[in-house]
């Protein structure tokens, strides 16, 4: 398989989102130039990115929006269902579980788990919140592909290691730690505070320019 850079991979969901909006607006085809103006990415960059996967465009015609949308969806693995659980059913965990757009993209959140007895048994759109002690047997029997970790640092690391032994191969990690896992396990870290600090850096930089 061709080695695709992380920069290209990170742009694919953005292409997918813009193409979805174009489809919703009834647009059937679009040139790389028009797409570049919408996305603030150069037309050359778009062509280079898509050429990693075979191109998809036609000279003088541009891109068939629906076809490109479906092809990028397939590249992203969105043409199949991915069964997920959320471990940590606090405010963030419940917000993730209640985001209906995940279902439309093939991410099926089948259960939430927590150790807080005030939350266990609470009804959500994904069923009742389960006791975290049940999570290990659950992932073994329910073909769980992705685990979203919305826990504090210490329990997240401990639970992730135990889930590895249960066969989990992918973590969507919101915990304030970088998980150390084997090379065959995928981790996507989402550190919200770091993202916010990047924002405040840009705000500070902007204010210095204005002085």
N, C-alpha and C. Protein backbone atom coordinates (compact mmCIF):
# COMPACT_ATOMS: atom_id res chain seq x y z
N UNK A 1 0.84 -1.20 0.00
CA UNK A 1 0.00 0.00 0.00
C UNK A 1 0.88 1.25 0.00
N UNK A 2 0.49 2.26 -0.78
CA UNK A 2 1.24 3.50 -0.85
C UNK A 2 1.23 4.22 0.49
N UNK A 3 2.38 4.76 0.86
CA UNK A 3 2.49 5.48 2.13
C UNK A 3 1.94 6.89 1.97
N UNK A 4 0.80 7.17 2.60
CA UNK A 4 0.15 8.48 2.49
C UNK A 4 0.52 9.31 3.71
N UNK A 5 0.90 10.57 3.48
CA UNK A 5 1.32 11.43 4.58
C UNK A 5 0.14 11.77 5.50
N UNK A 6 0.45 12.04 6.75
CA UNK A 6 -0.59 12.41 7.72
C UNK A 6 -1.29 13.70 7.31
N UNK A 7 -0.55 14.60 6.67
CA UNK A 7 -1.16 15.87 6.24
C UNK A 7 -2.28 15.62 5.24
N UNK A 8 -2.06 14.70 4.31
CA UNK A 8 -3.10 14.36 3.32
C UNK A 8 -4.27 13.69 4.02
N UNK A 9 -3.99 12.75 4.91
CA UNK A 9 -5.05 12.04 5.62
C UNK A 9 -5.92 13.01 6.40
N UNK A 10 -5.30 14.01 7.02
CA UNK A 10 -6.06 14.98 7.82
C UNK A 10 -6.94 15.87 6.95
N UNK A 11 -6.58 16.03 5.67
CA UNK A 11 -7.41 16.86 4.79
C UNK A 11 -8.59 16.09 4.22
N UNK A 12 -8.52 14.77 4.16
CA UNK A 12 -9.59 13.99 3.54
C UNK A 12 -10.96 14.21 4.18
N UNK A 13 -11.08 14.20 5.53
CA UNK A 13 -12.40 14.46 6.11
C UNK A 13 -12.96 15.83 5.74
N UNK A 14 -12.06 16.80 5.54
CA UNK A 14 -12.53 18.14 5.16
C UNK A 14 -13.07 18.13 3.73
N UNK A 15 -12.38 17.44 2.83
CA UNK A 15 -12.92 17.27 1.47
C UNK A 15 -14.30 16.61 1.54
N UNK A 16 -14.39 15.59 2.35
CA UNK A 16 -15.64 14.84 2.48
C UNK A 16 -16.77 15.75 2.96
N UNK A 17 -16.48 16.59 3.93
CA UNK A 17 -17.50 17.50 4.47
C UNK A 17 -17.96 18.51 3.42
N UNK A 18 -17.02 19.10 2.70
CA UNK A 18 -17.40 20.09 1.69
C UNK A 18 -18.17 19.44 0.54
N UNK A 19 -17.77 18.26 0.14
CA UNK A 19 -18.49 17.55 -0.92
C UNK A 19 -19.90 17.20 -0.49
N UNK A 20 -20.06 16.86 0.78
CA UNK A 20 -21.40 16.56 1.31
C UNK A 20 -22.28 17.80 1.23
N UNK A 21 -21.71 18.97 1.54
CA UNK A 21 -22.47 20.21 1.44
C UNK A 21 -22.84 20.51 -0.01
N UNK A 22 -21.92 20.26 -0.93
CA UNK A 22 -22.20 20.47 -2.34
C UNK A 22 -23.33 19.56 -2.82
N UNK A 23 -23.30 18.30 -2.41
CA UNK A 23 -24.37 17.36 -2.74
C UNK A 23 -25.71 17.85 -2.23
N UNK A 24 -25.71 18.32 -0.98
CA UNK A 24 -26.96 18.80 -0.38
C UNK A 24 -27.52 20.00 -1.14
N UNK A 25 -26.63 20.76 -1.78
CA UNK A 25 -27.06 21.93 -2.54
C UNK A 25 -27.32 21.62 -4.01
N UNK A 26 -27.26 20.34 -4.36
CA UNK A 26 -27.58 19.93 -5.72
C UNK A 26 -26.48 20.13 -6.75
N UNK A 27 -25.25 20.37 -6.29
CA UNK A 27 -24.13 20.55 -7.22
C UNK A 27 -23.65 19.19 -7.71
N UNK A 28 -23.57 19.02 -9.03
CA UNK A 28 -23.23 17.72 -9.60
C UNK A 28 -21.75 17.60 -9.94
N UNK A 29 -21.11 18.70 -10.31
CA UNK A 29 -19.68 18.63 -10.60
C UNK A 29 -19.02 19.94 -10.19
N UNK A 30 -17.71 19.86 -9.94
CA UNK A 30 -16.98 21.04 -9.50
C UNK A 30 -15.53 20.93 -9.96
N UNK A 31 -14.95 22.05 -10.31
CA UNK A 31 -13.55 22.07 -10.71
C UNK A 31 -12.66 22.16 -9.48
N UNK A 32 -11.40 21.79 -9.64
CA UNK A 32 -10.46 21.92 -8.53
C UNK A 32 -10.29 23.38 -8.14
N UNK A 33 -10.41 24.28 -9.12
CA UNK A 33 -10.31 25.71 -8.82
C UNK A 33 -11.44 26.20 -7.94
N UNK A 34 -12.67 25.81 -8.28
CA UNK A 34 -13.82 26.23 -7.46
C UNK A 34 -13.75 25.60 -6.07
N UNK A 35 -13.34 24.34 -6.01
CA UNK A 35 -13.23 23.68 -4.72
C UNK A 35 -12.13 24.33 -3.88
N UNK A 36 -11.06 24.75 -4.52
CA UNK A 36 -9.96 25.39 -3.79
C UNK A 36 -10.41 26.71 -3.18
N UNK A 37 -11.23 27.46 -3.91
CA UNK A 37 -11.72 28.74 -3.37
C UNK A 37 -12.65 28.52 -2.18
N UNK A 38 -13.44 27.48 -2.24
CA UNK A 38 -14.34 27.17 -1.12
C UNK A 38 -13.55 26.78 0.13
N UNK A 39 -12.51 25.98 -0.07
CA UNK A 39 -11.81 25.36 1.05
C UNK A 39 -10.56 26.12 1.48
N UNK A 40 -10.17 27.13 0.69
CA UNK A 40 -8.94 27.88 0.96
C UNK A 40 -7.72 26.95 0.93
N UNK A 41 -7.74 26.03 -0.04
CA UNK A 41 -6.61 25.15 -0.33
C UNK A 41 -6.32 25.31 -1.82
N UNK A 42 -5.05 25.32 -2.21
CA UNK A 42 -4.74 25.55 -3.61
C UNK A 42 -5.27 24.39 -4.47
N UNK A 43 -5.62 24.72 -5.72
CA UNK A 43 -6.09 23.70 -6.65
C UNK A 43 -5.01 22.64 -6.87
N UNK A 44 -3.76 23.08 -6.89
CA UNK A 44 -2.65 22.15 -7.05
C UNK A 44 -2.59 21.16 -5.89
N UNK A 45 -2.83 21.66 -4.66
CA UNK A 45 -2.81 20.78 -3.49
C UNK A 45 -3.93 19.75 -3.56
N UNK A 46 -5.11 20.19 -3.99
CA UNK A 46 -6.24 19.27 -4.12
C UNK A 46 -5.91 18.16 -5.11
N UNK A 47 -5.35 18.55 -6.27
CA UNK A 47 -5.03 17.55 -7.29
C UNK A 47 -3.95 16.59 -6.78
N UNK A 48 -2.94 17.12 -6.10
CA UNK A 48 -1.89 16.27 -5.55
C UNK A 48 -2.45 15.29 -4.51
N UNK A 49 -3.32 15.81 -3.63
CA UNK A 49 -3.92 14.94 -2.60
C UNK A 49 -4.70 13.80 -3.22
N UNK A 50 -5.56 14.14 -4.18
CA UNK A 50 -6.44 13.13 -4.76
C UNK A 50 -5.67 12.17 -5.68
N UNK A 51 -4.55 12.64 -6.26
CA UNK A 51 -3.75 11.76 -7.11
C UNK A 51 -3.10 10.63 -6.32
N UNK A 52 -3.00 10.81 -4.99
CA UNK A 52 -2.50 9.72 -4.15
C UNK A 52 -3.41 8.50 -4.21
N UNK A 53 -4.67 8.73 -4.61
CA UNK A 53 -5.66 7.65 -4.61
C UNK A 53 -6.20 7.38 -6.01
N UNK A 54 -5.55 7.96 -7.01
CA UNK A 54 -5.95 7.67 -8.38
C UNK A 54 -6.50 8.84 -9.16
N UNK A 55 -6.66 9.99 -8.51
CA UNK A 55 -7.08 11.18 -9.24
C UNK A 55 -8.54 11.51 -9.11
N UNK A 56 -9.42 10.86 -9.89
CA UNK A 56 -10.89 11.03 -9.88
C UNK A 56 -11.40 12.16 -10.76
N UNK A 57 -10.53 13.07 -11.22
CA UNK A 57 -11.00 14.19 -12.03
C UNK A 57 -10.82 13.93 -13.52
N UNK A 58 -11.49 14.76 -14.35
CA UNK A 58 -11.36 14.69 -15.80
C UNK A 58 -11.00 16.08 -16.32
N UNK A 59 -10.00 16.14 -17.21
CA UNK A 59 -9.58 17.41 -17.79
C UNK A 59 -10.76 18.10 -18.48
N UNK A 60 -11.00 19.34 -18.09
CA UNK A 60 -12.08 20.11 -18.69
C UNK A 60 -13.45 19.82 -18.10
N UNK A 61 -13.53 18.88 -17.19
CA UNK A 61 -14.82 18.52 -16.58
C UNK A 61 -14.81 18.75 -15.07
N UNK A 62 -13.69 18.50 -14.47
CA UNK A 62 -13.62 18.64 -13.02
C UNK A 62 -13.96 17.32 -12.34
N UNK A 63 -14.59 17.43 -11.19
CA UNK A 63 -14.92 16.25 -10.38
C UNK A 63 -16.42 16.04 -10.31
N UNK A 64 -16.83 14.80 -10.49
CA UNK A 64 -18.22 14.43 -10.23
C UNK A 64 -18.39 14.41 -8.71
N UNK A 65 -19.22 15.30 -8.18
CA UNK A 65 -19.31 15.51 -6.74
C UNK A 65 -19.75 14.25 -6.00
N UNK A 66 -20.81 13.62 -6.48
CA UNK A 66 -21.33 12.45 -5.78
C UNK A 66 -20.33 11.29 -5.82
N UNK A 67 -19.70 11.10 -6.98
CA UNK A 67 -18.72 10.01 -7.12
C UNK A 67 -17.52 10.25 -6.20
N UNK A 68 -17.01 11.49 -6.20
CA UNK A 68 -15.85 11.80 -5.35
C UNK A 68 -16.19 11.68 -3.88
N UNK A 69 -17.40 12.11 -3.51
CA UNK A 69 -17.86 11.97 -2.13
C UNK A 69 -17.86 10.51 -1.70
N UNK A 70 -18.40 9.65 -2.56
CA UNK A 70 -18.47 8.22 -2.22
C UNK A 70 -17.08 7.59 -2.19
N UNK A 71 -16.21 7.99 -3.11
CA UNK A 71 -14.86 7.42 -3.15
C UNK A 71 -14.05 7.83 -1.93
N UNK A 72 -14.13 9.09 -1.54
CA UNK A 72 -13.41 9.53 -0.34
C UNK A 72 -13.99 8.86 0.89
N UNK A 73 -15.31 8.71 0.92
CA UNK A 73 -15.94 7.98 2.03
C UNK A 73 -15.41 6.57 2.14
N UNK A 74 -15.21 5.91 0.99
CA UNK A 74 -14.68 4.55 0.99
C UNK A 74 -13.23 4.54 1.48
N UNK A 75 -12.44 5.52 1.04
CA UNK A 75 -11.05 5.62 1.49
C UNK A 75 -10.99 5.81 3.00
N UNK A 76 -11.92 6.59 3.53
CA UNK A 76 -11.97 6.86 4.97
C UNK A 76 -12.61 5.71 5.76
N UNK A 77 -13.08 4.70 5.06
CA UNK A 77 -13.70 3.56 5.74
C UNK A 77 -15.13 3.80 6.15
N UNK A 78 -15.77 4.78 5.52
CA UNK A 78 -17.14 5.12 5.91
C UNK A 78 -18.20 4.33 5.15
N UNK A 79 -17.75 3.39 4.32
CA UNK A 79 -18.69 2.55 3.58
C UNK A 79 -19.04 1.30 4.35
N UNK A 80 -18.61 1.24 5.61
CA UNK A 80 -18.96 0.10 6.47
C UNK A 80 -19.25 0.61 7.87
N UNK A 81 -19.93 -0.20 8.66
CA UNK A 81 -20.28 0.20 10.02
C UNK A 81 -19.12 -0.06 10.97
N UNK A 82 -18.90 0.89 11.89
CA UNK A 82 -17.87 0.76 12.92
C UNK A 82 -18.56 0.81 14.29
N UNK A 83 -18.47 -0.29 15.02
CA UNK A 83 -19.12 -0.37 16.33
C UNK A 83 -18.20 0.22 17.40
N UNK A 84 -18.77 1.14 18.18
CA UNK A 84 -18.01 1.88 19.17
C UNK A 84 -18.66 1.79 20.54
N UNK A 85 -17.84 1.99 21.57
CA UNK A 85 -18.36 2.25 22.90
C UNK A 85 -17.69 3.50 23.44
N UNK A 86 -18.32 4.12 24.44
CA UNK A 86 -17.74 5.27 25.13
C UNK A 86 -17.48 4.86 26.57
N UNK A 87 -16.24 5.00 27.00
CA UNK A 87 -15.87 4.68 28.39
C UNK A 87 -15.63 5.99 29.11
N UNK A 88 -16.55 6.31 30.01
CA UNK A 88 -16.56 7.61 30.67
C UNK A 88 -17.82 8.34 30.25
N UNK A 89 -18.88 8.24 31.06
CA UNK A 89 -20.20 8.75 30.66
C UNK A 89 -20.53 10.07 31.34
N UNK A 90 -19.51 10.90 31.57
CA UNK A 90 -19.75 12.23 32.09
C UNK A 90 -20.29 13.14 30.99
N UNK A 91 -20.15 14.45 31.17
CA UNK A 91 -20.72 15.39 30.20
C UNK A 91 -20.15 15.19 28.80
N UNK A 92 -18.83 15.04 28.69
CA UNK A 92 -18.22 14.87 27.38
C UNK A 92 -18.62 13.55 26.75
N UNK A 93 -18.57 12.47 27.53
CA UNK A 93 -18.94 11.17 27.00
C UNK A 93 -20.37 11.14 26.49
N UNK A 94 -21.28 11.73 27.25
CA UNK A 94 -22.68 11.74 26.83
C UNK A 94 -22.89 12.63 25.62
N UNK A 95 -22.14 13.74 25.55
CA UNK A 95 -22.26 14.62 24.39
C UNK A 95 -21.82 13.90 23.11
N UNK A 96 -20.73 13.14 23.20
CA UNK A 96 -20.27 12.37 22.05
C UNK A 96 -21.31 11.33 21.66
N UNK A 97 -21.83 10.61 22.65
CA UNK A 97 -22.81 9.56 22.37
C UNK A 97 -24.10 10.12 21.78
N UNK A 98 -24.44 11.36 22.12
CA UNK A 98 -25.70 11.94 21.66
C UNK A 98 -25.58 12.67 20.32
N UNK A 99 -24.38 12.70 19.75
CA UNK A 99 -24.18 13.39 18.48
C UNK A 99 -24.69 12.50 17.35
N UNK A 100 -25.84 12.84 16.84
CA UNK A 100 -26.55 11.97 15.88
C UNK A 100 -25.80 11.81 14.56
N UNK A 101 -24.95 12.77 14.21
CA UNK A 101 -24.27 12.71 12.92
C UNK A 101 -23.31 11.52 12.82
N UNK A 102 -22.87 11.00 13.96
CA UNK A 102 -22.00 9.82 13.92
C UNK A 102 -22.71 8.64 13.27
N UNK A 103 -23.99 8.47 13.60
CA UNK A 103 -24.77 7.37 13.02
C UNK A 103 -24.80 7.48 11.50
N UNK A 104 -24.94 8.70 10.99
CA UNK A 104 -25.01 8.90 9.55
C UNK A 104 -23.71 8.54 8.86
N UNK A 105 -22.63 8.60 9.59
CA UNK A 105 -21.31 8.30 9.02
C UNK A 105 -20.90 6.84 9.25
N UNK A 106 -21.77 6.06 9.87
CA UNK A 106 -21.46 4.65 10.06
C UNK A 106 -20.80 4.32 11.39
N UNK A 107 -20.71 5.31 12.29
CA UNK A 107 -20.15 5.05 13.61
C UNK A 107 -21.30 4.74 14.57
N UNK A 108 -21.43 3.50 14.94
CA UNK A 108 -22.55 3.07 15.78
C UNK A 108 -22.08 2.93 17.22
N UNK A 109 -22.49 3.88 18.05
CA UNK A 109 -22.16 3.82 19.48
C UNK A 109 -23.18 2.93 20.16
N UNK A 110 -22.72 1.77 20.63
CA UNK A 110 -23.64 0.76 21.13
C UNK A 110 -23.78 0.75 22.65
N UNK A 111 -22.87 1.42 23.36
CA UNK A 111 -22.98 1.43 24.83
C UNK A 111 -22.07 2.48 25.44
N UNK A 112 -22.45 2.95 26.64
CA UNK A 112 -21.62 3.82 27.45
C UNK A 112 -21.33 3.11 28.77
N UNK A 113 -20.15 3.37 29.32
CA UNK A 113 -19.74 2.74 30.58
C UNK A 113 -19.19 3.80 31.53
N UNK A 114 -19.43 3.58 32.82
CA UNK A 114 -18.89 4.50 33.82
C UNK A 114 -18.81 3.77 35.17
N UNK A 115 -17.99 4.33 36.08
CA UNK A 115 -17.86 3.76 37.42
C UNK A 115 -18.72 4.50 38.44
N UNK A 116 -19.29 5.64 38.02
CA UNK A 116 -20.11 6.47 38.92
C UNK A 116 -21.50 5.84 39.06
N UNK A 117 -21.82 5.39 40.29
CA UNK A 117 -23.10 4.70 40.50
C UNK A 117 -24.30 5.62 40.31
N UNK A 118 -24.07 6.94 40.35
CA UNK A 118 -25.17 7.87 40.08
C UNK A 118 -25.50 7.91 38.59
N UNK A 119 -24.55 7.50 37.75
CA UNK A 119 -24.78 7.48 36.31
C UNK A 119 -25.21 6.11 35.80
N UNK A 120 -24.72 5.05 36.43
CA UNK A 120 -25.03 3.69 35.99
C UNK A 120 -26.55 3.46 36.03
N UNK A 121 -27.10 3.01 34.93
CA UNK A 121 -28.54 2.80 34.83
C UNK A 121 -29.29 3.95 34.20
N UNK A 122 -28.62 5.11 34.08
CA UNK A 122 -29.27 6.26 33.44
C UNK A 122 -29.52 5.96 31.97
N UNK A 123 -30.71 6.33 31.48
CA UNK A 123 -31.07 6.04 30.10
C UNK A 123 -30.51 7.11 29.16
N UNK A 124 -29.96 6.67 28.05
CA UNK A 124 -29.47 7.56 27.00
C UNK A 124 -30.00 7.04 25.67
N UNK A 125 -29.71 7.75 24.59
CA UNK A 125 -30.17 7.30 23.26
C UNK A 125 -29.46 6.02 22.84
N UNK A 126 -28.41 5.65 23.57
CA UNK A 126 -27.67 4.43 23.27
C UNK A 126 -27.94 3.33 24.29
N UNK A 127 -29.01 3.47 25.04
CA UNK A 127 -29.34 2.50 26.07
C UNK A 127 -28.88 2.98 27.44
N UNK A 128 -29.06 2.15 28.44
CA UNK A 128 -28.66 2.52 29.80
C UNK A 128 -27.14 2.51 29.94
N UNK A 129 -26.63 3.46 30.73
CA UNK A 129 -25.20 3.48 31.04
C UNK A 129 -24.86 2.25 31.88
N UNK A 130 -23.81 1.55 31.46
CA UNK A 130 -23.45 0.29 32.11
C UNK A 130 -22.29 0.48 33.08
N UNK A 131 -22.20 -0.44 34.02
CA UNK A 131 -21.09 -0.45 34.97
C UNK A 131 -19.79 -0.76 34.23
N UNK A 132 -18.76 0.01 34.53
CA UNK A 132 -17.49 -0.15 33.82
C UNK A 132 -16.89 -1.54 34.01
N UNK A 133 -17.28 -2.23 35.07
CA UNK A 133 -16.77 -3.59 35.28
C UNK A 133 -17.26 -4.55 34.20
N UNK A 134 -18.31 -4.16 33.49
CA UNK A 134 -18.85 -5.03 32.43
C UNK A 134 -18.17 -4.82 31.08
N UNK A 135 -17.32 -3.79 30.98
CA UNK A 135 -16.82 -3.38 29.67
C UNK A 135 -15.94 -4.44 29.02
N UNK A 136 -15.18 -5.17 29.81
CA UNK A 136 -14.22 -6.11 29.23
C UNK A 136 -14.91 -7.29 28.56
N UNK A 137 -15.91 -7.86 29.22
CA UNK A 137 -16.68 -8.93 28.59
C UNK A 137 -17.47 -8.40 27.40
N UNK A 138 -17.94 -7.16 27.51
CA UNK A 138 -18.77 -6.58 26.45
C UNK A 138 -17.98 -6.46 25.15
N UNK A 139 -16.75 -5.94 25.22
CA UNK A 139 -15.99 -5.75 23.98
C UNK A 139 -15.62 -7.09 23.35
N UNK A 140 -15.48 -8.12 24.17
CA UNK A 140 -15.14 -9.44 23.64
C UNK A 140 -16.31 -10.06 22.87
N UNK A 141 -17.53 -9.82 23.34
CA UNK A 141 -18.70 -10.50 22.76
C UNK A 141 -19.44 -9.67 21.72
N UNK A 142 -19.23 -8.32 21.72
CA UNK A 142 -20.04 -7.45 20.87
C UNK A 142 -19.30 -6.89 19.67
N UNK A 143 -18.12 -7.43 19.36
CA UNK A 143 -17.38 -7.01 18.16
C UNK A 143 -17.16 -5.49 18.13
N UNK A 144 -16.59 -4.99 19.22
CA UNK A 144 -16.34 -3.55 19.33
C UNK A 144 -15.02 -3.20 18.66
N UNK A 145 -15.07 -2.25 17.74
CA UNK A 145 -13.89 -1.88 16.96
C UNK A 145 -13.17 -0.67 17.54
N UNK A 146 -13.94 0.30 18.05
CA UNK A 146 -13.37 1.57 18.52
C UNK A 146 -13.85 1.83 19.94
N UNK A 147 -12.94 2.30 20.79
CA UNK A 147 -13.29 2.72 22.15
C UNK A 147 -12.96 4.21 22.28
N UNK A 148 -13.96 5.01 22.62
CA UNK A 148 -13.74 6.42 22.94
C UNK A 148 -13.49 6.53 24.44
N UNK A 149 -12.34 7.06 24.81
CA UNK A 149 -11.98 7.22 26.22
C UNK A 149 -12.19 8.66 26.64
N UNK A 150 -13.15 8.89 27.51
CA UNK A 150 -13.42 10.24 28.03
C UNK A 150 -13.29 10.19 29.55
N UNK A 151 -12.08 9.86 29.99
CA UNK A 151 -11.79 9.61 31.40
C UNK A 151 -10.60 10.47 31.85
N UNK A 152 -10.41 10.63 33.17
CA UNK A 152 -9.17 11.24 33.66
C UNK A 152 -7.96 10.38 33.28
N UNK A 153 -6.79 10.96 33.40
CA UNK A 153 -5.54 10.34 32.93
C UNK A 153 -5.30 8.95 33.51
N UNK A 154 -5.34 8.82 34.84
CA UNK A 154 -4.93 7.56 35.46
C UNK A 154 -5.85 6.40 35.10
N UNK A 155 -7.16 6.51 35.30
CA UNK A 155 -8.01 5.37 34.92
C UNK A 155 -8.01 5.10 33.43
N UNK A 156 -7.83 6.13 32.61
CA UNK A 156 -7.82 5.93 31.16
C UNK A 156 -6.69 5.01 30.75
N UNK A 157 -5.50 5.23 31.30
CA UNK A 157 -4.35 4.41 30.96
C UNK A 157 -4.55 2.97 31.42
N UNK A 158 -5.02 2.80 32.65
CA UNK A 158 -5.23 1.46 33.19
C UNK A 158 -6.28 0.69 32.40
N UNK A 159 -7.39 1.36 32.12
CA UNK A 159 -8.48 0.69 31.40
C UNK A 159 -8.09 0.38 29.96
N UNK A 160 -7.36 1.31 29.32
CA UNK A 160 -6.92 1.07 27.95
C UNK A 160 -6.05 -0.17 27.85
N UNK A 161 -5.14 -0.34 28.83
CA UNK A 161 -4.26 -1.51 28.81
C UNK A 161 -5.06 -2.81 28.95
N UNK A 162 -6.07 -2.80 29.79
CA UNK A 162 -6.92 -3.99 29.95
C UNK A 162 -7.74 -4.26 28.69
N UNK A 163 -8.19 -3.19 28.04
CA UNK A 163 -8.97 -3.36 26.82
C UNK A 163 -8.12 -3.90 25.67
N UNK A 164 -6.84 -3.57 25.69
CA UNK A 164 -5.93 -4.15 24.70
C UNK A 164 -5.93 -5.67 24.79
N UNK A 165 -5.94 -6.16 26.03
CA UNK A 165 -5.94 -7.60 26.24
C UNK A 165 -7.25 -8.24 25.78
N UNK A 166 -8.29 -7.40 25.64
CA UNK A 166 -9.59 -7.92 25.18
C UNK A 166 -9.72 -7.85 23.65
N UNK A 167 -8.68 -7.33 22.99
CA UNK A 167 -8.69 -7.31 21.53
C UNK A 167 -9.01 -5.98 20.89
N UNK A 168 -9.16 -4.90 21.68
CA UNK A 168 -9.45 -3.58 21.09
C UNK A 168 -8.24 -3.11 20.28
N UNK A 169 -8.50 -2.59 19.07
CA UNK A 169 -7.43 -2.19 18.17
C UNK A 169 -7.41 -0.69 17.87
N UNK A 170 -8.38 0.07 18.40
CA UNK A 170 -8.41 1.50 18.09
C UNK A 170 -9.03 2.28 19.24
N UNK A 171 -8.36 3.36 19.62
CA UNK A 171 -8.84 4.24 20.69
C UNK A 171 -8.99 5.66 20.16
N UNK A 172 -10.12 6.26 20.49
CA UNK A 172 -10.34 7.70 20.27
C UNK A 172 -10.16 8.32 21.66
N UNK A 173 -9.00 8.90 21.89
CA UNK A 173 -8.57 9.21 23.24
C UNK A 173 -8.73 10.69 23.58
N UNK A 174 -9.67 10.97 24.49
CA UNK A 174 -9.88 12.33 24.98
C UNK A 174 -9.22 12.54 26.34
N UNK A 175 -8.61 11.49 26.90
CA UNK A 175 -7.97 11.61 28.20
C UNK A 175 -6.71 12.47 28.09
N UNK A 176 -6.35 13.11 29.19
CA UNK A 176 -5.21 14.04 29.19
C UNK A 176 -3.90 13.27 29.32
N UNK A 177 -3.67 12.35 28.37
CA UNK A 177 -2.46 11.56 28.35
C UNK A 177 -2.29 10.96 26.97
N UNK A 178 -1.05 10.68 26.60
CA UNK A 178 -0.78 9.98 25.35
C UNK A 178 -0.60 8.50 25.66
N UNK A 179 -1.47 7.68 25.13
CA UNK A 179 -1.42 6.25 25.41
C UNK A 179 -0.20 5.60 24.74
N UNK A 180 0.48 4.76 25.48
CA UNK A 180 1.58 3.98 24.92
C UNK A 180 1.05 2.59 24.60
N UNK A 181 0.93 2.30 23.31
CA UNK A 181 0.32 1.06 22.86
C UNK A 181 1.21 0.40 21.82
N UNK A 182 1.00 -0.88 21.54
CA UNK A 182 1.76 -1.55 20.48
C UNK A 182 1.53 -0.90 19.11
N UNK A 183 2.44 -1.15 18.19
CA UNK A 183 2.38 -0.53 16.87
C UNK A 183 1.13 -0.91 16.09
N UNK A 184 0.54 -2.06 16.39
CA UNK A 184 -0.63 -2.50 15.63
C UNK A 184 -1.94 -1.95 16.20
N UNK A 185 -1.84 -1.09 17.21
CA UNK A 185 -3.02 -0.45 17.80
C UNK A 185 -3.04 1.02 17.38
N UNK A 186 -4.22 1.49 16.98
CA UNK A 186 -4.37 2.86 16.48
C UNK A 186 -4.91 3.74 17.59
N UNK A 187 -4.28 4.90 17.79
CA UNK A 187 -4.76 5.88 18.76
C UNK A 187 -4.88 7.23 18.08
N UNK A 188 -6.05 7.83 18.19
CA UNK A 188 -6.26 9.20 17.74
C UNK A 188 -6.48 10.04 18.99
N UNK A 189 -5.48 10.88 19.33
CA UNK A 189 -5.57 11.71 20.53
C UNK A 189 -6.30 13.00 20.22
N UNK A 190 -7.27 13.34 21.07
CA UNK A 190 -8.00 14.60 20.94
C UNK A 190 -7.85 15.34 22.27
N UNK A 191 -6.80 16.16 22.35
CA UNK A 191 -6.55 16.90 23.58
C UNK A 191 -7.17 18.29 23.45
N UNK A 192 -8.34 18.47 24.02
CA UNK A 192 -9.10 19.69 23.82
C UNK A 192 -8.36 20.92 24.35
N UNK A 193 -7.69 20.78 25.49
CA UNK A 193 -6.99 21.94 26.07
C UNK A 193 -5.84 22.38 25.17
N UNK A 194 -5.17 21.43 24.51
CA UNK A 194 -4.08 21.79 23.62
C UNK A 194 -4.60 22.56 22.41
N UNK A 195 -5.74 22.13 21.89
CA UNK A 195 -6.35 22.83 20.77
C UNK A 195 -6.71 24.26 21.17
N UNK A 196 -7.24 24.41 22.39
CA UNK A 196 -7.61 25.74 22.87
C UNK A 196 -6.37 26.61 23.07
N UNK A 197 -5.27 26.00 23.53
CA UNK A 197 -4.03 26.77 23.70
C UNK A 197 -3.45 27.23 22.37
N UNK A 198 -3.63 26.42 21.33
CA UNK A 198 -3.22 26.85 19.99
C UNK A 198 -4.02 28.08 19.58
N UNK A 199 -5.30 28.07 19.93
CA UNK A 199 -6.17 29.20 19.61
C UNK A 199 -5.72 30.47 20.34
N UNK A 200 -5.42 30.33 21.65
CA UNK A 200 -5.00 31.51 22.41
C UNK A 200 -3.64 32.01 21.96
N UNK A 201 -2.76 31.10 21.49
CA UNK A 201 -1.48 31.54 20.93
C UNK A 201 -1.72 32.44 19.71
N UNK A 202 -2.63 32.00 18.83
CA UNK A 202 -2.92 32.79 17.63
C UNK A 202 -3.56 34.13 17.99
N UNK A 203 -4.41 34.12 19.02
CA UNK A 203 -5.00 35.38 19.48
C UNK A 203 -3.91 36.33 20.00
N UNK A 204 -2.96 35.78 20.78
CA UNK A 204 -1.88 36.58 21.32
C UNK A 204 -0.99 37.12 20.21
N UNK A 205 -0.72 36.26 19.22
CA UNK A 205 0.13 36.66 18.09
C UNK A 205 -0.55 37.78 17.30
N UNK A 206 -1.86 37.64 17.11
CA UNK A 206 -2.62 38.65 16.37
C UNK A 206 -2.62 39.99 17.10
N UNK A 207 -2.75 39.94 18.44
CA UNK A 207 -2.77 41.19 19.21
C UNK A 207 -1.42 41.88 19.16
N UNK A 208 -0.31 41.11 19.07
CA UNK A 208 1.02 41.70 19.00
C UNK A 208 1.23 42.40 17.65
N UNK A 209 0.66 41.83 16.59
CA UNK A 209 0.78 42.43 15.26
C UNK A 209 0.05 43.77 15.22
N UNK A 210 -1.06 43.83 15.96
CA UNK A 210 -1.87 45.06 15.94
C UNK A 210 -1.26 46.20 16.74
N UNK A 211 -0.21 45.95 17.51
CA UNK A 211 0.39 47.01 18.33
C UNK A 211 1.33 47.88 17.52
